[in-house]
Amino acid sequence: MPYHKNKQQAFQAAQQGYEDVKDAAHELVLDGASYGSQLSHLKNEVNEAYQQIENALETATEHQKTQLERFKNDLSSIVNEINQQQ
């Protein structure tokens, strides 16, 4: 059973990382005085989320893999959107 618990914990960490990126991207203010630090924070969140997703994919169930791949695609979309705004 510990293996199953680790799978679930890995998935939950990836899901939380994904949510953190969405929150950070939503809070990004393009013309704000703190844009540079917000962008740096967002980049760190994205990198961490990608790592958590990759870790979770190693032990994920098929259903979780589908969700994790969707998270990766959504993260790519967020990154592309931010890059286009710069």
Protein backbone atom coordinates (compact mmCIF):
# COMPACT_ATOMS: atom_id res chain seq x y z
CA MET A 1 0.00 0.00 0.00
CA PRO A 2 2.83 2.53 0.50
CA TYR A 3 3.44 2.39 -3.26
CA HIS A 4 -0.15 3.44 -3.93
CA LYS A 5 0.15 6.24 -1.39
CA ASN A 6 3.32 7.49 -3.09
CA LYS A 7 1.55 7.49 -6.47
CA GLN A 8 -1.27 9.54 -5.04
CA GLN A 9 1.09 11.93 -3.27
CA ALA A 10 3.12 12.43 -6.46
CA PHE A 11 -0.03 13.15 -8.43
CA GLN A 12 -1.31 15.58 -5.80
CA ALA A 13 2.03 17.42 -5.75
CA ALA A 14 1.91 17.75 -9.54
CA GLN A 15 -1.68 18.95 -9.40
CA GLN A 16 -0.80 21.53 -6.74
CA GLY A 17 2.18 22.72 -8.78
CA TYR A 18 -0.07 23.16 -11.78
CA GLU A 19 -2.57 25.16 -9.72
CA ASP A 20 0.25 27.33 -8.34
CA VAL A 21 1.34 28.19 -11.90
CA LYS A 22 -2.20 29.10 -12.88
CA ASP A 23 -2.49 31.36 -9.83
CA ALA A 24 0.87 33.03 -10.49
CA ALA A 25 0.03 33.59 -14.17
CA HIS A 26 -3.33 35.08 -13.21
CA GLU A 27 -1.65 37.51 -10.81
CA LEU A 28 0.93 38.66 -13.36
CA VAL A 29 0.47 42.38 -14.06
CA LEU A 30 2.16 43.33 -17.33
CA ASP A 31 2.61 47.00 -16.58
CA GLY A 32 3.06 46.70 -12.85
CA ALA A 33 6.18 47.83 -11.02
CA SER A 34 6.84 44.30 -9.78
CA TYR A 35 6.43 42.62 -13.20
CA GLY A 36 10.04 41.37 -13.25
CA SER A 37 9.81 39.69 -9.87
CA GLN A 38 6.36 38.29 -10.70
CA LEU A 39 7.70 36.87 -13.96
CA SER A 40 10.67 35.33 -12.15
CA HIS A 41 8.32 33.77 -9.60
CA LEU A 42 6.15 32.41 -12.42
CA LYS A 43 9.16 30.87 -14.17
CA ASN A 44 10.18 29.14 -10.94
CA GLU A 45 6.64 27.82 -10.45
CA VAL A 46 6.55 26.53 -14.04
CA ASN A 47 9.87 24.72 -13.67
CA GLU A 48 8.80 23.19 -10.37
CA ALA A 49 5.44 22.12 -11.80
CA TYR A 50 7.06 20.47 -14.82
CA GLN A 51 9.40 18.54 -12.50
CA GLN A 52 6.53 17.43 -10.28
CA ILE A 53 4.56 16.30 -13.32
CA GLU A 54 7.50 14.32 -14.68
CA ASN A 55 7.99 12.67 -11.28
CA ALA A 56 4.30 11.80 -11.04
CA LEU A 57 4.26 10.36 -14.56
CA GLU A 58 6.76 7.70 -13.46
CA THR A 59 4.20 6.03 -11.17
CA ALA A 60 0.86 7.34 -12.45
CA THR A 61 -2.15 5.26 -13.36
CA GLU A 62 -3.49 5.59 -16.91
CA HIS A 63 -6.17 8.02 -15.75
CA GLN A 64 -3.60 10.11 -13.90
CA LYS A 65 -1.29 10.08 -16.92
CA THR A 66 -4.05 11.58 -19.04
CA GLN A 67 -4.56 14.34 -16.50
CA LEU A 68 -0.84 14.95 -16.10
CA GLU A 69 -0.38 15.26 -19.86
CA ARG A 70 -3.22 17.79 -19.89
CA PHE A 71 -1.45 19.72 -17.13
CA LYS A 72 1.73 19.76 -19.23
CA ASN A 73 -0.16 21.01 -22.28
CA ASP A 74 -1.87 23.71 -20.24
CA LEU A 75 1.48 24.80 -18.79
CA SER A 76 2.90 25.07 -22.30
CA SER A 77 -0.05 27.23 -23.29
CA ILE A 78 0.49 29.50 -20.29
CA VAL A 79 4.19 29.85 -21.09
CA ASN A 80 3.44 30.61 -24.75
CA GLU A 81 0.85 33.20 -23.77
CA ILE A 82 3.24 34.94 -21.39
CA ASN A 83 6.01 34.92 -24.01
CA GLN A 84 3.71 36.53 -26.57
CA GLN A 85 2.78 39.30 -24.14
CA GLN A 86 6.38 40.33 -23.58
